[in-house]
Amino acid sequence: MFKRLLLLGLISGVLAAVASLIYQKVYFKTNEIDFSGTIKPVTVFLICILAGLLASVGYGLITRWLPRYGEIIFNLVFTIVSFATILGPIAYKFPLEFESPEFFPGLAIPMHFFPALGWYTLKPLFIKK
């Protein structure tokens, strides 16, 4: 079971990273504002994979400790953490010479939900009850 969870975390992280990078390209094409110096593709990739792996380990631990309510608690915690992380892009301060910093939250905030969406989407393929 633990190997399946780690595989789920890895694959969902890669899925979230690919979705984030595609979203970043579309956002650039639409608004012609480049935040690639602030949000580096390698960083996005690593954070998405780390989020997927942490989610899988957390799910495994919580469902082992609390078999009856573990899944509900995990889903609630994962969703709350995803919402809490959007405070970073909202509070980020750009230098005064940066052009159009008000577009940054529109790029970064949706990316914070991609790891959760990827994990929730792929979970039924790996974990069967």
N, C-alpha and C. Protein backbone atom coordinates (compact mmCIF):
# COMPACT_ATOMS: atom_id res chain seq x y z
N MET A 1 0.83 -1.19 0.00
CA MET A 1 0.00 0.00 0.00
C MET A 1 0.87 1.26 0.00
N PHE A 2 1.98 1.24 0.77
CA PHE A 2 2.82 2.42 0.87
C PHE A 2 3.49 2.73 -0.47
N LYS A 3 3.88 1.71 -1.23
CA LYS A 3 4.48 1.93 -2.55
C LYS A 3 3.47 2.57 -3.50
N ARG A 4 2.23 2.12 -3.42
CA ARG A 4 1.18 2.70 -4.27
C ARG A 4 0.94 4.16 -3.91
N LEU A 5 0.98 4.46 -2.61
CA LEU A 5 0.80 5.84 -2.18
C LEU A 5 1.94 6.73 -2.68
N LEU A 6 3.17 6.25 -2.58
CA LEU A 6 4.30 7.04 -3.07
C LEU A 6 4.23 7.22 -4.59
N LEU A 7 3.82 6.19 -5.30
CA LEU A 7 3.65 6.31 -6.74
C LEU A 7 2.55 7.31 -7.07
N LEU A 8 1.45 7.26 -6.31
CA LEU A 8 0.38 8.24 -6.48
C LEU A 8 0.90 9.65 -6.26
N GLY A 9 1.67 9.86 -5.19
CA GLY A 9 2.22 11.18 -4.90
C GLY A 9 3.14 11.67 -6.00
N LEU A 10 4.00 10.78 -6.50
CA LEU A 10 4.93 11.15 -7.55
C LEU A 10 4.20 11.50 -8.84
N ILE A 11 3.30 10.64 -9.27
CA ILE A 11 2.60 10.87 -10.54
C ILE A 11 1.67 12.08 -10.44
N SER A 12 0.97 12.23 -9.32
CA SER A 12 0.09 13.39 -9.18
C SER A 12 0.91 14.68 -9.11
N GLY A 13 2.10 14.61 -8.51
CA GLY A 13 2.98 15.77 -8.48
C GLY A 13 3.46 16.16 -9.87
N VAL A 14 3.82 15.17 -10.67
CA VAL A 14 4.24 15.44 -12.05
C VAL A 14 3.06 16.02 -12.85
N LEU A 15 1.87 15.45 -12.66
CA LEU A 15 0.67 15.97 -13.34
C LEU A 15 0.43 17.43 -12.96
N ALA A 16 0.52 17.73 -11.66
CA ALA A 16 0.31 19.10 -11.19
C ALA A 16 1.38 20.04 -11.74
N ALA A 17 2.62 19.57 -11.81
CA ALA A 17 3.71 20.40 -12.33
C ALA A 17 3.50 20.70 -13.81
N VAL A 18 3.11 19.70 -14.57
CA VAL A 18 2.86 19.91 -16.00
C VAL A 18 1.69 20.88 -16.19
N ALA A 19 0.63 20.71 -15.41
CA ALA A 19 -0.51 21.61 -15.49
C ALA A 19 -0.10 23.03 -15.11
N SER A 20 0.73 23.18 -14.09
CA SER A 20 1.20 24.50 -13.66
C SER A 20 2.04 25.17 -14.74
N LEU A 21 2.92 24.41 -15.36
CA LEU A 21 3.78 24.99 -16.39
C LEU A 21 2.97 25.37 -17.63
N ILE A 22 1.99 24.55 -17.98
CA ILE A 22 1.12 24.90 -19.10
C ILE A 22 0.32 26.15 -18.77
N TYR A 23 -0.19 26.22 -17.55
CA TYR A 23 -0.94 27.40 -17.12
C TYR A 23 -0.05 28.65 -17.15
N GLN A 24 1.20 28.51 -16.74
CA GLN A 24 2.12 29.64 -16.75
C GLN A 24 2.35 30.14 -18.18
N LYS A 25 2.49 29.22 -19.13
CA LYS A 25 2.69 29.61 -20.53
C LYS A 25 1.44 30.30 -21.09
N VAL A 26 0.27 29.73 -20.80
CA VAL A 26 -0.98 30.34 -21.27
C VAL A 26 -1.16 31.73 -20.66
N TYR A 27 -0.86 31.87 -19.39
CA TYR A 27 -0.99 33.15 -18.70
C TYR A 27 -0.06 34.19 -19.33
N PHE A 28 1.16 33.76 -19.68
CA PHE A 28 2.10 34.66 -20.33
C PHE A 28 1.59 35.08 -21.70
N LYS A 29 1.10 34.13 -22.47
CA LYS A 29 0.60 34.44 -23.81
C LYS A 29 -0.61 35.37 -23.75
N THR A 30 -1.45 35.18 -22.75
CA THR A 30 -2.66 35.99 -22.63
C THR A 30 -2.36 37.41 -22.16
N ASN A 31 -1.52 37.55 -21.15
CA ASN A 31 -1.28 38.86 -20.54
C ASN A 31 0.05 39.50 -20.93
N GLU A 32 0.93 38.74 -21.57
CA GLU A 32 2.25 39.21 -21.99
C GLU A 32 3.04 39.81 -20.83
N ILE A 33 2.91 39.18 -19.66
CA ILE A 33 3.68 39.58 -18.49
C ILE A 33 4.47 38.35 -18.05
N ASP A 34 5.77 38.50 -17.96
CA ASP A 34 6.64 37.36 -17.68
C ASP A 34 7.06 37.35 -16.21
N PHE A 35 6.59 36.33 -15.50
CA PHE A 35 6.99 36.13 -14.11
C PHE A 35 7.94 34.96 -13.96
N SER A 36 8.59 34.56 -15.05
CA SER A 36 9.47 33.39 -14.99
C SER A 36 10.69 33.62 -14.09
N GLY A 37 11.04 34.86 -13.84
CA GLY A 37 12.13 35.14 -12.91
C GLY A 37 11.70 34.95 -11.46
N THR A 38 10.42 35.14 -11.21
CA THR A 38 9.89 34.98 -9.86
C THR A 38 9.44 33.55 -9.61
N ILE A 39 8.74 32.97 -10.58
CA ILE A 39 8.27 31.58 -10.48
C ILE A 39 9.07 30.77 -11.49
N LYS A 40 10.13 30.15 -11.03
CA LYS A 40 11.00 29.37 -11.92
C LYS A 40 10.39 27.99 -12.18
N PRO A 41 10.43 27.52 -13.43
CA PRO A 41 9.84 26.22 -13.76
C PRO A 41 10.39 25.06 -12.93
N VAL A 42 11.68 25.06 -12.64
CA VAL A 42 12.26 23.98 -11.84
C VAL A 42 11.67 23.99 -10.44
N THR A 43 11.51 25.17 -9.87
CA THR A 43 10.93 25.29 -8.54
C THR A 43 9.49 24.81 -8.53
N VAL A 44 8.72 25.18 -9.54
CA VAL A 44 7.33 24.73 -9.64
C VAL A 44 7.29 23.21 -9.70
N PHE A 45 8.14 22.63 -10.50
CA PHE A 45 8.17 21.17 -10.66
C PHE A 45 8.50 20.48 -9.34
N LEU A 46 9.52 20.96 -8.66
CA LEU A 46 9.93 20.34 -7.39
C LEU A 46 8.88 20.51 -6.30
N ILE A 47 8.28 21.68 -6.21
CA ILE A 47 7.26 21.92 -5.18
C ILE A 47 6.03 21.05 -5.43
N CYS A 48 5.63 20.91 -6.68
CA CYS A 48 4.46 20.06 -6.98
C CYS A 48 4.73 18.60 -6.62
N ILE A 49 5.90 18.11 -6.95
CA ILE A 49 6.23 16.72 -6.62
C ILE A 49 6.31 16.55 -5.11
N LEU A 50 6.93 17.49 -4.42
CA LEU A 50 7.02 17.42 -2.97
C LEU A 50 5.62 17.46 -2.34
N ALA A 51 4.74 18.30 -2.85
CA ALA A 51 3.38 18.38 -2.32
C ALA A 51 2.64 17.05 -2.53
N GLY A 52 2.79 16.44 -3.69
CA GLY A 52 2.15 15.15 -3.95
C GLY A 52 2.67 14.06 -3.03
N LEU A 53 3.98 14.03 -2.83
CA LEU A 53 4.57 13.01 -1.96
C LEU A 53 4.16 13.23 -0.50
N LEU A 54 4.17 14.48 -0.05
CA LEU A 54 3.75 14.77 1.32
C LEU A 54 2.28 14.43 1.53
N ALA A 55 1.47 14.70 0.53
CA ALA A 55 0.05 14.35 0.63
C ALA A 55 -0.12 12.84 0.75
N SER A 56 0.62 12.10 -0.01
CA SER A 56 0.50 10.64 0.04
C SER A 56 0.96 10.08 1.39
N VAL A 57 2.06 10.61 1.89
CA VAL A 57 2.54 10.15 3.21
C VAL A 57 1.53 10.55 4.28
N GLY A 58 1.03 11.77 4.22
CA GLY A 58 0.02 12.22 5.18
C GLY A 58 -1.24 11.38 5.13
N TYR A 59 -1.69 11.06 3.92
CA TYR A 59 -2.88 10.22 3.77
C TYR A 59 -2.64 8.84 4.37
N GLY A 60 -1.48 8.28 4.09
CA GLY A 60 -1.16 6.96 4.63
C GLY A 60 -1.13 6.94 6.15
N LEU A 61 -0.53 7.95 6.75
CA LEU A 61 -0.43 8.01 8.20
C LEU A 61 -1.79 8.25 8.85
N ILE A 62 -2.53 9.21 8.32
CA ILE A 62 -3.82 9.55 8.93
C ILE A 62 -4.81 8.40 8.79
N THR A 63 -4.84 7.74 7.64
CA THR A 63 -5.79 6.62 7.48
C THR A 63 -5.37 5.41 8.30
N ARG A 64 -4.09 5.31 8.62
CA ARG A 64 -3.64 4.21 9.48
C ARG A 64 -4.00 4.47 10.94
N TRP A 65 -3.82 5.72 11.38
CA TRP A 65 -4.12 6.08 12.77
C TRP A 65 -5.62 6.18 13.03
N LEU A 66 -6.35 6.69 12.06
CA LEU A 66 -7.79 6.88 12.21
C LEU A 66 -8.51 6.22 11.04
N PRO A 67 -8.66 4.90 11.06
CA PRO A 67 -9.21 4.21 9.89
C PRO A 67 -10.63 4.65 9.52
N ARG A 68 -11.41 5.02 10.50
CA ARG A 68 -12.80 5.35 10.21
C ARG A 68 -12.96 6.76 9.61
N TYR A 69 -12.27 7.74 10.18
CA TYR A 69 -12.43 9.13 9.76
C TYR A 69 -11.19 9.71 9.10
N GLY A 70 -10.18 8.90 8.88
CA GLY A 70 -8.91 9.38 8.36
C GLY A 70 -9.01 10.05 7.01
N GLU A 71 -9.78 9.48 6.11
CA GLU A 71 -9.88 10.05 4.77
C GLU A 71 -10.57 11.42 4.80
N ILE A 72 -11.61 11.53 5.58
CA ILE A 72 -12.32 12.81 5.69
C ILE A 72 -11.40 13.87 6.30
N ILE A 73 -10.69 13.50 7.36
CA ILE A 73 -9.78 14.45 8.01
C ILE A 73 -8.66 14.85 7.06
N PHE A 74 -8.10 13.88 6.34
CA PHE A 74 -7.05 14.20 5.38
C PHE A 74 -7.55 15.16 4.31
N ASN A 75 -8.71 14.88 3.73
CA ASN A 75 -9.25 15.75 2.68
C ASN A 75 -9.45 17.17 3.20
N LEU A 76 -9.96 17.28 4.41
CA LEU A 76 -10.18 18.59 5.01
C LEU A 76 -8.85 19.32 5.24
N VAL A 77 -7.88 18.63 5.79
CA VAL A 77 -6.58 19.25 6.06
C VAL A 77 -5.88 19.64 4.76
N PHE A 78 -5.89 18.77 3.77
CA PHE A 78 -5.22 19.06 2.49
C PHE A 78 -5.86 20.27 1.81
N THR A 79 -7.16 20.37 1.87
CA THR A 79 -7.85 21.50 1.27
C THR A 79 -7.54 22.79 2.04
N ILE A 80 -7.55 22.72 3.36
CA ILE A 80 -7.24 23.91 4.16
C ILE A 80 -5.81 24.38 3.92
N VAL A 81 -4.88 23.44 3.85
CA VAL A 81 -3.48 23.81 3.58
C VAL A 81 -3.35 24.44 2.20
N SER A 82 -4.06 23.91 1.21
CA SER A 82 -4.01 24.50 -0.13
C SER A 82 -4.52 25.94 -0.10
N PHE A 83 -5.60 26.19 0.62
CA PHE A 83 -6.11 27.55 0.74
C PHE A 83 -5.15 28.44 1.52
N ALA A 84 -4.54 27.92 2.56
CA ALA A 84 -3.64 28.71 3.39
C ALA A 84 -2.39 29.15 2.61
N THR A 85 -1.94 28.34 1.67
CA THR A 85 -0.73 28.68 0.94
C THR A 85 -0.92 29.86 -0.01
N ILE A 86 -2.16 30.21 -0.32
CA ILE A 86 -2.36 31.34 -1.24
C ILE A 86 -2.02 32.67 -0.57
N LEU A 87 -1.82 32.67 0.74
CA LEU A 87 -1.41 33.91 1.40
C LEU A 87 -0.03 34.37 0.92
N GLY A 88 0.81 33.44 0.51
CA GLY A 88 2.14 33.80 0.00
C GLY A 88 2.08 34.70 -1.22
N PRO A 89 1.38 34.29 -2.29
CA PRO A 89 1.30 35.16 -3.47
C PRO A 89 0.55 36.47 -3.20
N ILE A 90 -0.41 36.45 -2.30
CA ILE A 90 -1.14 37.67 -2.00
C ILE A 90 -0.23 38.68 -1.30
N ALA A 91 0.61 38.20 -0.40
CA ALA A 91 1.47 39.08 0.39
C ALA A 91 2.81 39.40 -0.28
N TYR A 92 3.11 38.77 -1.41
CA TYR A 92 4.41 38.96 -2.05
C TYR A 92 4.58 40.41 -2.50
N LYS A 93 5.72 41.00 -2.17
CA LYS A 93 6.01 42.39 -2.53
C LYS A 93 7.07 42.40 -3.63
N PHE A 94 6.73 43.05 -4.74
CA PHE A 94 7.66 43.20 -5.84
C PHE A 94 8.43 44.51 -5.70
N PRO A 95 9.60 44.61 -6.33
CA PRO A 95 10.31 45.90 -6.36
C PRO A 95 9.46 46.95 -7.08
N LEU A 96 9.68 48.20 -6.77
CA LEU A 96 8.87 49.28 -7.35
C LEU A 96 8.99 49.38 -8.86
N GLU A 97 10.12 48.98 -9.40
CA GLU A 97 10.30 49.09 -10.86
C GLU A 97 9.66 47.94 -11.64
N PHE A 98 9.10 46.96 -10.95
CA PHE A 98 8.48 45.82 -11.63
C PHE A 98 7.17 46.26 -12.28
N GLU A 99 7.00 45.84 -13.54
CA GLU A 99 5.80 46.22 -14.29
C GLU A 99 4.65 45.26 -14.01
N SER A 100 3.50 45.79 -13.68
CA SER A 100 2.24 45.05 -13.48
C SER A 100 2.32 43.95 -12.42
N PRO A 101 2.70 44.26 -11.20
CA PRO A 101 2.74 43.22 -10.17
C PRO A 101 1.35 42.74 -9.76
N GLU A 102 0.32 43.51 -10.10
CA GLU A 102 -1.04 43.10 -9.73
C GLU A 102 -1.50 41.85 -10.46
N PHE A 103 -0.80 41.45 -11.51
CA PHE A 103 -1.15 40.23 -12.24
C PHE A 103 -0.56 38.97 -11.60
N PHE A 104 0.37 39.15 -10.67
CA PHE A 104 1.04 37.99 -10.07
C PHE A 104 0.09 37.05 -9.32
N PRO A 105 -0.82 37.54 -8.47
CA PRO A 105 -1.72 36.61 -7.80
C PRO A 105 -2.58 35.78 -8.77
N GLY A 106 -2.95 36.38 -9.89
CA GLY A 106 -3.73 35.64 -10.88
C GLY A 106 -2.97 34.48 -11.50
N LEU A 107 -1.67 34.59 -11.50
CA LEU A 107 -0.83 33.48 -11.98
C LEU A 107 -0.57 32.46 -10.89
N ALA A 108 -0.18 32.94 -9.72
CA ALA A 108 0.32 32.04 -8.68
C ALA A 108 -0.78 31.34 -7.89
N ILE A 109 -1.88 32.01 -7.63
CA ILE A 109 -2.91 31.41 -6.78
C ILE A 109 -3.49 30.12 -7.37
N PRO A 110 -3.89 30.07 -8.64
CA PRO A 110 -4.40 28.79 -9.15
C PRO A 110 -3.40 27.64 -9.08
N MET A 111 -2.12 27.97 -9.21
CA MET A 111 -1.09 26.92 -9.15
C MET A 111 -1.05 26.23 -7.78
N HIS A 112 -1.48 26.91 -6.75
CA HIS A 112 -1.48 26.32 -5.41
C HIS A 112 -2.51 25.22 -5.25
N PHE A 113 -3.49 25.18 -6.14
CA PHE A 113 -4.53 24.15 -6.05
C PHE A 113 -4.25 22.96 -6.97
N PHE A 114 -3.31 23.07 -7.89
CA PHE A 114 -3.02 21.98 -8.82
C PHE A 114 -2.54 20.70 -8.14
N PRO A 115 -1.67 20.76 -7.12
CA PRO A 115 -1.28 19.51 -6.46
C PRO A 115 -2.47 18.77 -5.83
N ALA A 116 -3.36 19.51 -5.18
CA ALA A 116 -4.54 18.87 -4.58
C ALA A 116 -5.45 18.30 -5.66
N LEU A 117 -5.67 19.05 -6.72
CA LEU A 117 -6.52 18.56 -7.81
C LEU A 117 -5.94 17.31 -8.46
N GLY A 118 -4.64 17.32 -8.69
CA GLY A 118 -3.99 16.15 -9.27
C GLY A 118 -4.09 14.94 -8.36
N TRP A 119 -3.88 15.16 -7.06
CA TRP A 119 -3.92 14.05 -6.10
C TRP A 119 -5.33 13.48 -5.99
N TYR A 120 -6.31 14.37 -5.85
CA TYR A 120 -7.70 13.91 -5.74
C TYR A 120 -8.17 13.22 -7.02
N THR A 121 -7.67 13.67 -8.16
CA THR A 121 -8.07 13.08 -9.44
C THR A 121 -7.52 11.67 -9.61
N LEU A 122 -6.26 11.46 -9.24
CA LEU A 122 -5.61 10.17 -9.47
C LEU A 122 -5.80 9.16 -8.33
N LYS A 123 -6.24 9.61 -7.17
CA LYS A 123 -6.37 8.73 -6.02
C LYS A 123 -7.23 7.49 -6.30
N PRO A 124 -8.39 7.62 -6.96
CA PRO A 124 -9.19 6.41 -7.20
C PRO A 124 -8.49 5.36 -8.06
N LEU A 125 -7.50 5.78 -8.86
CA LEU A 125 -6.78 4.81 -9.69
C LEU A 125 -5.78 3.99 -8.86
N PHE A 126 -5.30 4.55 -7.76
CA PHE A 126 -4.27 3.90 -6.96
C PHE A 126 -4.79 3.30 -5.67
N ILE A 127 -5.81 3.90 -5.06
CA ILE A 127 -6.33 3.46 -3.78
C ILE A 127 -7.78 3.02 -3.97
N LYS A 128 -8.01 1.76 -3.84
CA LYS A 128 -9.37 1.22 -3.98
C LYS A 128 -9.83 0.72 -2.63
N LYS A 129 -11.04 1.06 -2.28
CA LYS A 129 -11.59 0.63 -0.99
C LYS A 129 -12.49 -0.57 -1.17
